[in-house]
């Protein structure tokens, strides 16, 4: 089981808006001893969203999906989730009630009586149309709920709403997974070395320490930084610490220049 993230919106792929969800979700998960397994960014394309959700619903992954759950013509996520599961789209009564409460609150704040039967307000109820069987995700910002289906959690694209909703889901449903597999990461900077020359060392460490991943991040350098490779190990703490000691010892034998980070 992995944790996945789907970000939906033409504006992200066109560059009109800069995605903020990916780094924030990494931070939210890391604070709970969890990590992201994969991420995808999709256009506002109903067929592609549906096909993607069909694939992810067929997995055992925990999936967060940000965007496309509003009531405008370019919001396709609610219908796509229903289509992906072959379920009808139905009005969720509790979701409807929350929207109507929000409408009345907005009217009160504006000093006007809200007409729940107006065309505009009836259209707003589309935000409570979910696949049959969906459960609500509370929205602390404006009380208009997101929804969940089969370990998939659908939240708005607005960060101020999405992020606390994702945290609520994790804390309510997955706290038993927190910090189950403690991990550490240690690395060094290796200067002026070819990555190919370090590959045998990386292969040896992965063979000797199955609970550890080896990583190599080359940099060509710039006017202020020498060419280098960040070479490191991450994973189960005891094995990672041992692998890091061996890494440093083997680099010494290779007579390459390196420094701790």
C-alpha atoms as a PDB file:
ATOM      1  CA  UNK A   1       0.000   0.000   0.000  1.00  0.00           C
ATOM      2  CA  UNK A   2       1.335   3.411  -1.011  1.00  0.00           C
ATOM      3  CA  UNK A   3       0.082   6.955  -0.530  1.00  0.00           C
ATOM      4  CA  UNK A   4      -0.650   8.740  -3.793  1.00  0.00           C
ATOM      5  CA  UNK A   5      -1.493  12.305  -4.770  1.00  0.00           C
ATOM      6  CA  UNK A   6      -3.520  13.429  -7.793  1.00  0.00           C
ATOM      7  CA  UNK A   7      -3.550  17.146  -8.610  1.00  0.00           C
ATOM      8  CA  UNK A   8      -6.161  18.267 -11.127  1.00  0.00           C
ATOM      9  CA  UNK A   9      -6.240  21.505 -13.070  1.00  0.00           C
ATOM     10  CA  UNK A  10      -5.454  22.943 -16.493  1.00  0.00           C
ATOM     11  CA  UNK A  11      -3.980  25.971 -14.757  1.00  0.00           C
ATOM     12  CA  UNK A  12      -1.191  23.878 -13.234  1.00  0.00           C
ATOM     13  CA  UNK A  13      -0.095  22.257 -16.487  1.00  0.00           C
ATOM     14  CA  UNK A  14      -0.381  25.527 -18.409  1.00  0.00           C
ATOM     15  CA  UNK A  15       1.797  27.303 -15.861  1.00  0.00           C
ATOM     16  CA  UNK A  16      -0.851  29.889 -14.987  1.00  0.00           C
ATOM     17  CA  UNK A  17      -0.665  28.734 -11.380  1.00  0.00           C
ATOM     18  CA  UNK A  18       2.166  27.216  -9.433  1.00  0.00           C
ATOM     19  CA  UNK A  19       1.297  23.961  -7.687  1.00  0.00           C
ATOM     20  CA  UNK A  20       1.576  24.174  -3.915  1.00  0.00           C
ATOM     21  CA  UNK A  21       0.027  20.815  -3.024  1.00  0.00           C
ATOM     22  CA  UNK A  22       2.969  18.527  -3.762  1.00  0.00           C
ATOM     23  CA  UNK A  23       5.508  20.096  -1.345  1.00  0.00           C
ATOM     24  CA  UNK A  24       2.868  20.643   1.341  1.00  0.00           C
ATOM     25  CA  UNK A  25       1.595  17.067   1.208  1.00  0.00           C
ATOM     26  CA  UNK A  26       5.198  15.860   1.534  1.00  0.00           C
ATOM     27  CA  UNK A  27       5.494  18.016   4.658  1.00  0.00           C
ATOM     28  CA  UNK A  28       2.167  16.841   6.100  1.00  0.00           C
ATOM     29  CA  UNK A  29       3.120  13.193   5.611  1.00  0.00           C
ATOM     30  CA  UNK A  30       6.682  13.586   6.903  1.00  0.00           C
ATOM     31  CA  UNK A  31       5.375  15.133  10.132  1.00  0.00           C
ATOM     32  CA  UNK A  32       3.536  11.847  10.698  1.00  0.00           C
ATOM     33  CA  UNK A  33       6.339   9.508   9.729  1.00  0.00           C
ATOM     34  CA  UNK A  34       4.764   8.785   6.341  1.00  0.00           C
ATOM     35  CA  UNK A  35       5.958   9.325   2.788  1.00  0.00           C
ATOM     36  CA  UNK A  36       4.433   9.849  -0.628  1.00  0.00           C
ATOM     37  CA  UNK A  37       4.645   6.915  -3.007  1.00  0.00           C
ATOM     38  CA  UNK A  38       3.598   8.650  -6.228  1.00  0.00           C
ATOM     39  CA  UNK A  39       1.984  11.776  -7.659  1.00  0.00           C
ATOM     40  CA  UNK A  40       0.229  12.731 -10.906  1.00  0.00           C
ATOM     41  CA  UNK A  41      -0.973  16.031 -12.362  1.00  0.00           C
ATOM     42  CA  UNK A  42      -3.974  15.872 -14.697  1.00  0.00           C
ATOM     43  CA  UNK A  43      -5.761  18.276 -16.999  1.00  0.00           C
ATOM     44  CA  UNK A  44      -9.461  19.005 -16.495  1.00  0.00           C
ATOM     45  CA  UNK A  45     -10.204  16.133 -18.870  1.00  0.00           C
ATOM     46  CA  UNK A  46     -13.131  13.913 -17.780  1.00  0.00           C
ATOM     47  CA  UNK A  47     -11.949  10.839 -19.709  1.00  0.00           C
ATOM     48  CA  UNK A  48      -8.406  11.030 -18.370  1.00  0.00           C
ATOM     49  CA  UNK A  49      -9.529  11.668 -14.798  1.00  0.00           C
ATOM     50  CA  UNK A  50     -11.943   8.729 -15.003  1.00  0.00           C
ATOM     51  CA  UNK A  51      -9.297   6.405 -16.467  1.00  0.00           C
ATOM     52  CA  UNK A  52      -6.779   7.416 -13.814  1.00  0.00           C
ATOM     53  CA  UNK A  53      -9.262   6.832 -10.997  1.00  0.00           C
ATOM     54  CA  UNK A  54     -10.254   3.448 -12.415  1.00  0.00           C
ATOM     55  CA  UNK A  55      -6.609   2.443 -12.178  1.00  0.00           C
ATOM     56  CA  UNK A  56      -6.047   3.811  -8.683  1.00  0.00           C
ATOM     57  CA  UNK A  57      -9.350   2.451  -7.305  1.00  0.00           C
ATOM     58  CA  UNK A  58      -8.145  -0.987  -8.425  1.00  0.00           C
ATOM     59  CA  UNK A  59      -5.075  -0.637  -6.196  1.00  0.00           C
ATOM     60  CA  UNK A  60      -4.834  -0.756  -2.422  1.00  0.00           C
ATOM     61  CA  UNK A  61      -3.323   2.725  -2.292  1.00  0.00           C
ATOM     62  CA  UNK A  62      -4.454   5.628  -0.144  1.00  0.00           C
ATOM     63  CA  UNK A  63      -5.076   8.447  -2.621  1.00  0.00           C
ATOM     64  CA  UNK A  64      -5.619  12.166  -2.115  1.00  0.00           C
ATOM     65  CA  UNK A  65      -7.140  14.050  -5.041  1.00  0.00           C
ATOM     66  CA  UNK A  66      -7.028  17.848  -5.086  1.00  0.00           C
ATOM     67  CA  UNK A  67      -9.247  19.922  -7.355  1.00  0.00           C
ATOM     68  CA  UNK A  68     -12.243  19.706  -9.624  1.00  0.00           C
ATOM     69  CA  UNK A  69     -14.998  19.180  -7.049  1.00  0.00           C
ATOM     70  CA  UNK A  70     -16.736  22.537  -7.456  1.00  0.00           C
ATOM     71  CA  UNK A  71     -19.886  23.265  -9.466  1.00  0.00           C
ATOM     72  CA  UNK A  72     -18.515  25.018 -12.559  1.00  0.00           C
ATOM     73  CA  UNK A  73     -18.374  23.405 -16.018  1.00  0.00           C
ATOM     74  CA  UNK A  74     -14.659  22.640 -15.713  1.00  0.00           C
ATOM     75  CA  UNK A  75     -15.133  20.654 -12.481  1.00  0.00           C
ATOM     76  CA  UNK A  76     -15.258  16.990 -13.482  1.00  0.00           C
ATOM     77  CA  UNK A  77     -13.853  15.081 -10.514  1.00  0.00           C
ATOM     78  CA  UNK A  78     -17.125  14.213  -8.795  1.00  0.00           C
ATOM     79  CA  UNK A  79     -18.624  12.718 -11.952  1.00  0.00           C
ATOM     80  CA  UNK A  80     -15.350  11.016 -12.908  1.00  0.00           C
ATOM     81  CA  UNK A  81     -15.109   9.299  -9.516  1.00  0.00           C
ATOM     82  CA  UNK A  82     -18.655   7.981  -9.899  1.00  0.00           C
ATOM     83  CA  UNK A  83     -17.994   6.834 -13.469  1.00  0.00           C
ATOM     84  CA  UNK A  84     -14.752   5.128 -12.457  1.00  0.00           C
ATOM     85  CA  UNK A  85     -16.697   2.955 -10.026  1.00  0.00           C
ATOM     86  CA  UNK A  86     -19.815   2.564 -12.160  1.00  0.00           C
ATOM     87  CA  UNK A  87     -21.929   4.294  -9.510  1.00  0.00           C
ATOM     88  CA  UNK A  88     -24.690   6.887  -9.864  1.00  0.00           C
ATOM     89  CA  UNK A  89     -24.114  10.470  -8.842  1.00  0.00           C
ATOM     90  CA  UNK A  90     -26.552  11.321  -6.036  1.00  0.00           C
ATOM     91  CA  UNK A  91     -27.234  14.268  -3.790  1.00  0.00           C
ATOM     92  CA  UNK A  92     -25.718  13.648  -0.355  1.00  0.00           C
ATOM     93  CA  UNK A  93     -28.273  14.885   2.182  1.00  0.00           C
ATOM     94  CA  UNK A  94     -25.744  15.890   4.851  1.00  0.00           C
ATOM     95  CA  UNK A  95     -23.627  17.597   2.214  1.00  0.00           C
ATOM     96  CA  UNK A  96     -26.725  19.458   1.002  1.00  0.00           C
ATOM     97  CA  UNK A  97     -27.499  20.579   4.542  1.00  0.00           C
ATOM     98  CA  UNK A  98     -23.963  21.942   5.006  1.00  0.00           C
ATOM     99  CA  UNK A  99     -24.178  23.916   1.763  1.00  0.00           C
ATOM    100  CA  UNK A 100     -27.523  25.385   2.735  1.00  0.00           C
ATOM    101  CA  UNK A 101     -26.136  26.351   6.129  1.00  0.00           C
ATOM    102  CA  UNK A 102     -23.299  28.131   4.340  1.00  0.00           C
ATOM    103  CA  UNK A 103     -25.735  29.949   2.049  1.00  0.00           C
ATOM    104  CA  UNK A 104     -27.790  31.139   5.025  1.00  0.00           C
ATOM    105  CA  UNK A 105     -24.652  32.226   6.849  1.00  0.00           C
ATOM    106  CA  UNK A 106     -23.456  34.240   3.846  1.00  0.00           C
ATOM    107  CA  UNK A 107     -26.854  35.902   3.593  1.00  0.00           C
ATOM    108  CA  UNK A 108     -26.819  36.782   7.288  1.00  0.00           C
ATOM    109  CA  UNK A 109     -23.333  38.249   7.037  1.00  0.00           C
ATOM    110  CA  UNK A 110     -24.428  40.324   4.039  1.00  0.00           C
ATOM    111  CA  UNK A 111     -27.550  41.500   5.867  1.00  0.00           C
ATOM    112  CA  UNK A 112     -29.848  39.825   3.344  1.00  0.00           C
ATOM    113  CA  UNK A 113     -32.305  36.963   3.550  1.00  0.00           C
ATOM    114  CA  UNK A 114     -31.018  34.026   1.484  1.00  0.00           C
ATOM    115  CA  UNK A 115     -33.400  32.297  -0.912  1.00  0.00           C
ATOM    116  CA  UNK A 116     -32.514  28.600  -0.845  1.00  0.00           C
ATOM    117  CA  UNK A 117     -34.757  27.982  -3.849  1.00  0.00           C
ATOM    118  CA  UNK A 118     -33.101  30.483  -6.159  1.00  0.00           C
ATOM    119  CA  UNK A 119     -31.506  29.063  -9.306  1.00  0.00           C
ATOM    120  CA  UNK A 120     -28.059  30.115  -8.127  1.00  0.00           C
ATOM    121  CA  UNK A 121     -28.395  28.446  -4.751  1.00  0.00           C
ATOM    122  CA  UNK A 122     -29.928  25.301  -6.184  1.00  0.00           C
ATOM    123  CA  UNK A 123     -26.947  25.074  -8.537  1.00  0.00           C
ATOM    124  CA  UNK A 124     -24.598  25.255  -5.550  1.00  0.00           C
ATOM    125  CA  UNK A 125     -26.069  21.973  -4.335  1.00  0.00           C
ATOM    126  CA  UNK A 126     -24.180  20.231  -7.130  1.00  0.00           C
ATOM    127  CA  UNK A 127     -21.162  20.436  -4.825  1.00  0.00           C
ATOM    128  CA  UNK A 128     -22.929  17.818  -2.682  1.00  0.00           C
ATOM    129  CA  UNK A 129     -23.506  15.396  -5.559  1.00  0.00           C
ATOM    130  CA  UNK A 130     -21.197  12.442  -5.041  1.00  0.00           C
ATOM    131  CA  UNK A 131     -21.037   8.805  -6.058  1.00  0.00           C
ATOM    132  CA  UNK A 132     -23.518   6.740  -4.082  1.00  0.00           C
ATOM    133  CA  UNK A 133     -22.020   5.636  -0.779  1.00  0.00           C
ATOM    134  CA  UNK A 134     -19.545   8.496  -0.480  1.00  0.00           C
ATOM    135  CA  UNK A 135     -18.662   9.821   2.964  1.00  0.00           C
ATOM    136  CA  UNK A 136     -18.018  13.454   3.817  1.00  0.00           C
ATOM    137  CA  UNK A 137     -14.703  15.122   4.613  1.00  0.00           C
ATOM    138  CA  UNK A 138     -15.291  18.234   6.751  1.00  0.00           C
ATOM    139  CA  UNK A 139     -14.060  21.549   5.387  1.00  0.00           C
ATOM    140  CA  UNK A 140     -13.088  23.886   8.238  1.00  0.00           C
ATOM    141  CA  UNK A 141     -12.770  26.905   5.948  1.00  0.00           C
ATOM    142  CA  UNK A 142     -16.292  27.247   4.563  1.00  0.00           C
ATOM    143  CA  UNK A 143     -18.034  24.050   5.725  1.00  0.00           C
ATOM    144  CA  UNK A 144     -18.620  22.767   2.136  1.00  0.00           C
ATOM    145  CA  UNK A 145     -17.493  19.173   2.429  1.00  0.00           C
ATOM    146  CA  UNK A 146     -15.225  17.049   0.299  1.00  0.00           C
ATOM    147  CA  UNK A 147     -15.871  13.333  -0.027  1.00  0.00           C
ATOM    148  CA  UNK A 148     -14.235   9.936   0.221  1.00  0.00           C
ATOM    149  CA  UNK A 149     -14.644   6.642  -1.629  1.00  0.00           C
ATOM    150  CA  UNK A 150     -12.647   3.460  -1.069  1.00  0.00           C
ATOM    151  CA  UNK A 151      -9.502   4.996   0.446  1.00  0.00           C
ATOM    152  CA  UNK A 152      -9.664   7.882  -2.042  1.00  0.00           C
ATOM    153  CA  UNK A 153     -10.108  11.359  -0.568  1.00  0.00           C
ATOM    154  CA  UNK A 154     -11.346  14.225  -2.729  1.00  0.00           C
ATOM    155  CA  UNK A 155     -10.710  17.779  -1.564  1.00  0.00           C
ATOM    156  CA  UNK A 156     -10.886  21.229  -3.200  1.00  0.00           C
ATOM    157  CA  UNK A 157      -8.003  22.710  -5.133  1.00  0.00           C
ATOM    158  CA  UNK A 158      -7.739  25.667  -2.752  1.00  0.00           C
ATOM    159  CA  UNK A 159      -4.793  25.040  -0.376  1.00  0.00           C
ATOM    160  CA  UNK A 160      -6.508  26.815   2.542  1.00  0.00           C
ATOM    161  CA  UNK A 161      -9.229  24.155   2.372  1.00  0.00           C
ATOM    162  CA  UNK A 162      -7.373  21.127   1.033  1.00  0.00           C
ATOM    163  CA  UNK A 163      -4.509  20.946   3.492  1.00  0.00           C
ATOM    164  CA  UNK A 164      -6.472  20.839   6.779  1.00  0.00           C
ATOM    165  CA  UNK A 165      -8.871  18.361   5.146  1.00  0.00           C
ATOM    166  CA  UNK A 166      -5.971  16.060   4.236  1.00  0.00           C
ATOM    167  CA  UNK A 167      -4.637  16.341   7.782  1.00  0.00           C
ATOM    168  CA  UNK A 168      -8.082  15.482   9.162  1.00  0.00           C
ATOM    169  CA  UNK A 169      -8.270  12.357   6.994  1.00  0.00           C
ATOM    170  CA  UNK A 170      -4.850  11.178   8.114  1.00  0.00           C
ATOM    171  CA  UNK A 171      -5.518  11.856  11.796  1.00  0.00           C
ATOM    172  CA  UNK A 172      -8.976  10.281  11.725  1.00  0.00           C
ATOM    173  CA  UNK A 173      -8.268   7.200   9.629  1.00  0.00           C
ATOM    174  CA  UNK A 174      -4.550   6.479   9.490  1.00  0.00           C
ATOM    175  CA  UNK A 175      -2.972   7.448  12.796  1.00  0.00           C
ATOM    176  CA  UNK A 176      -2.214   3.742  13.319  1.00  0.00           C
ATOM    177  CA  UNK A 177       0.301   4.039  10.472  1.00  0.00           C
ATOM    178  CA  UNK A 178       2.210   6.943  11.972  1.00  0.00           C
ATOM    179  CA  UNK A 179       5.917   6.368  12.579  1.00  0.00           C
ATOM    180  CA  UNK A 180       5.570   2.616  12.128  1.00  0.00           C
ATOM    181  CA  UNK A 181       8.787   2.413  10.144  1.00  0.00           C
ATOM    182  CA  UNK A 182      11.322   4.903  11.542  1.00  0.00           C
ATOM    183  CA  UNK A 183      13.652   6.152   8.840  1.00  0.00           C
ATOM    184  CA  UNK A 184      16.785   8.240   8.728  1.00  0.00           C
ATOM    185  CA  UNK A 185      18.817   9.680   5.865  1.00  0.00           C
ATOM    186  CA  UNK A 186      22.542  10.434   5.740  1.00  0.00           C
ATOM    187  CA  UNK A 187      24.624  11.649   2.841  1.00  0.00           C
ATOM    188  CA  UNK A 188      27.913  13.172   1.752  1.00  0.00           C
ATOM    189  CA  UNK A 189      29.045  15.397  -1.100  1.00  0.00           C
ATOM    190  CA  UNK A 190      31.561  13.665  -3.360  1.00  0.00           C
ATOM    191  CA  UNK A 191      33.568  16.132  -5.445  1.00  0.00           C
ATOM    192  CA  UNK A 192      34.762  15.826  -9.046  1.00  0.00           C
ATOM    193  CA  UNK A 193      33.933  12.108  -9.284  1.00  0.00           C
ATOM    194  CA  UNK A 194      32.158  10.243 -12.075  1.00  0.00           C
ATOM    195  CA  UNK A 195      28.861   8.638 -11.082  1.00  0.00           C
ATOM    196  CA  UNK A 196      29.859   5.488 -12.958  1.00  0.00           C
ATOM    197  CA  UNK A 197      32.916   5.137 -10.701  1.00  0.00           C
ATOM    198  CA  UNK A 198      30.635   5.102  -7.646  1.00  0.00           C
ATOM    199  CA  UNK A 199      28.074   2.659  -9.036  1.00  0.00           C
ATOM    200  CA  UNK A 200      29.862  -0.533  -7.834  1.00  0.00           C
ATOM    201  CA  UNK A 201      29.943   0.907  -4.307  1.00  0.00           C
ATOM    202  CA  UNK A 202      26.236   1.692  -4.461  1.00  0.00           C
ATOM    203  CA  UNK A 203      25.432  -1.823  -5.680  1.00  0.00           C
ATOM    204  CA  UNK A 204      27.532  -3.367  -2.913  1.00  0.00           C
ATOM    205  CA  UNK A 205      25.788  -1.342  -0.195  1.00  0.00           C
ATOM    206  CA  UNK A 206      22.322  -2.232  -1.489  1.00  0.00           C
ATOM    207  CA  UNK A 207      23.286  -5.914  -1.457  1.00  0.00           C
ATOM    208  CA  UNK A 208      24.744  -5.725   2.065  1.00  0.00           C
ATOM    209  CA  UNK A 209      21.911  -3.685   3.583  1.00  0.00           C
ATOM    210  CA  UNK A 210      18.468  -4.750   2.251  1.00  0.00           C
ATOM    211  CA  UNK A 211      16.655  -2.300   4.539  1.00  0.00           C
ATOM    212  CA  UNK A 212      18.437   0.663   2.974  1.00  0.00           C
ATOM    213  CA  UNK A 213      18.075   2.613  -0.257  1.00  0.00           C
ATOM    214  CA  UNK A 214      21.096   4.200  -1.878  1.00  0.00           C
ATOM    215  CA  UNK A 215      20.677   7.501  -3.709  1.00  0.00           C
ATOM    216  CA  UNK A 216      22.884   9.571  -5.986  1.00  0.00           C
ATOM    217  CA  UNK A 217      22.096  13.180  -6.935  1.00  0.00           C
ATOM    218  CA  UNK A 218      24.650  14.627  -9.380  1.00  0.00           C
ATOM    219  CA  UNK A 219      25.198  18.371  -9.807  1.00  0.00           C
ATOM    220  CA  UNK A 220      27.226  19.957 -12.596  1.00  0.00           C
ATOM    221  CA  UNK A 221      28.015  22.882 -10.310  1.00  0.00           C
ATOM    222  CA  UNK A 222      28.046  26.583 -11.104  1.00  0.00           C
ATOM    223  CA  UNK A 223      30.149  29.662 -10.538  1.00  0.00           C
ATOM    224  CA  UNK A 224      29.888  29.212  -6.785  1.00  0.00           C
ATOM    225  CA  UNK A 225      29.665  25.426  -6.425  1.00  0.00           C
ATOM    226  CA  UNK A 226      32.041  22.671  -7.489  1.00  0.00           C
ATOM    227  CA  UNK A 227      30.822  19.711  -9.523  1.00  0.00           C
ATOM    228  CA  UNK A 228      29.692  17.102  -7.034  1.00  0.00           C
ATOM    229  CA  UNK A 229      27.433  14.149  -6.303  1.00  0.00           C
ATOM    230  CA  UNK A 230      25.288  13.924  -3.216  1.00  0.00           C
ATOM    231  CA  UNK A 231      25.674  10.276  -2.300  1.00  0.00           C
ATOM    232  CA  UNK A 232      23.652   8.878   0.542  1.00  0.00           C
ATOM    233  CA  UNK A 233      21.663   6.182   2.246  1.00  0.00           C
ATOM    234  CA  UNK A 234      18.181   6.171   3.752  1.00  0.00           C
ATOM    235  CA  UNK A 235      15.944   3.682   5.481  1.00  0.00           C
ATOM    236  CA  UNK A 236      15.769   1.663   8.697  1.00  0.00           C
ATOM    237  CA  UNK A 237      17.911   3.545  11.274  1.00  0.00           C
ATOM    238  CA  UNK A 238      20.296   0.795  12.422  1.00  0.00           C
ATOM    239  CA  UNK A 239      21.069  -0.483   8.940  1.00  0.00           C
ATOM    240  CA  UNK A 240      21.280   3.040   7.551  1.00  0.00           C
ATOM    241  CA  UNK A 241      23.819   4.103  10.161  1.00  0.00           C
ATOM    242  CA  UNK A 242      25.934   1.020   9.440  1.00  0.00           C
ATOM    243  CA  UNK A 243      25.648   1.530   5.685  1.00  0.00           C
ATOM    244  CA  UNK A 244      26.701   5.156   6.034  1.00  0.00           C
ATOM    245  CA  UNK A 245      29.797   4.215   8.014  1.00  0.00           C
ATOM    246  CA  UNK A 246      30.727   1.709   5.327  1.00  0.00           C
ATOM    247  CA  UNK A 247      30.003   4.256   2.609  1.00  0.00           C
ATOM    248  CA  UNK A 248      32.457   6.726   4.128  1.00  0.00           C
ATOM    249  CA  UNK A 249      35.078   4.026   4.639  1.00  0.00           C
ATOM    250  CA  UNK A 250      34.834   2.859   1.030  1.00  0.00           C
ATOM    251  CA  UNK A 251      35.016   6.403  -0.298  1.00  0.00           C
ATOM    252  CA  UNK A 252      38.236   6.798   1.663  1.00  0.00           C
ATOM    253  CA  UNK A 253      39.642   3.701  -0.030  1.00  0.00           C
ATOM    254  CA  UNK A 254      38.751   5.170  -3.424  1.00  0.00           C
ATOM    255  CA  UNK A 255      40.752   8.320  -2.569  1.00  0.00           C
ATOM    256  CA  UNK A 256      37.947  10.654  -3.612  1.00  0.00           C
ATOM    257  CA  UNK A 257      37.307  13.964  -1.912  1.00  0.00           C
ATOM    258  CA  UNK A 258      34.071  14.134   0.049  1.00  0.00           C
ATOM    259  CA  UNK A 259      32.471  16.047   2.906  1.00  0.00           C
ATOM    260  CA  UNK A 260      29.571  15.438   5.249  1.00  0.00           C
ATOM    261  CA  UNK A 261      26.387  17.429   4.780  1.00  0.00           C
END
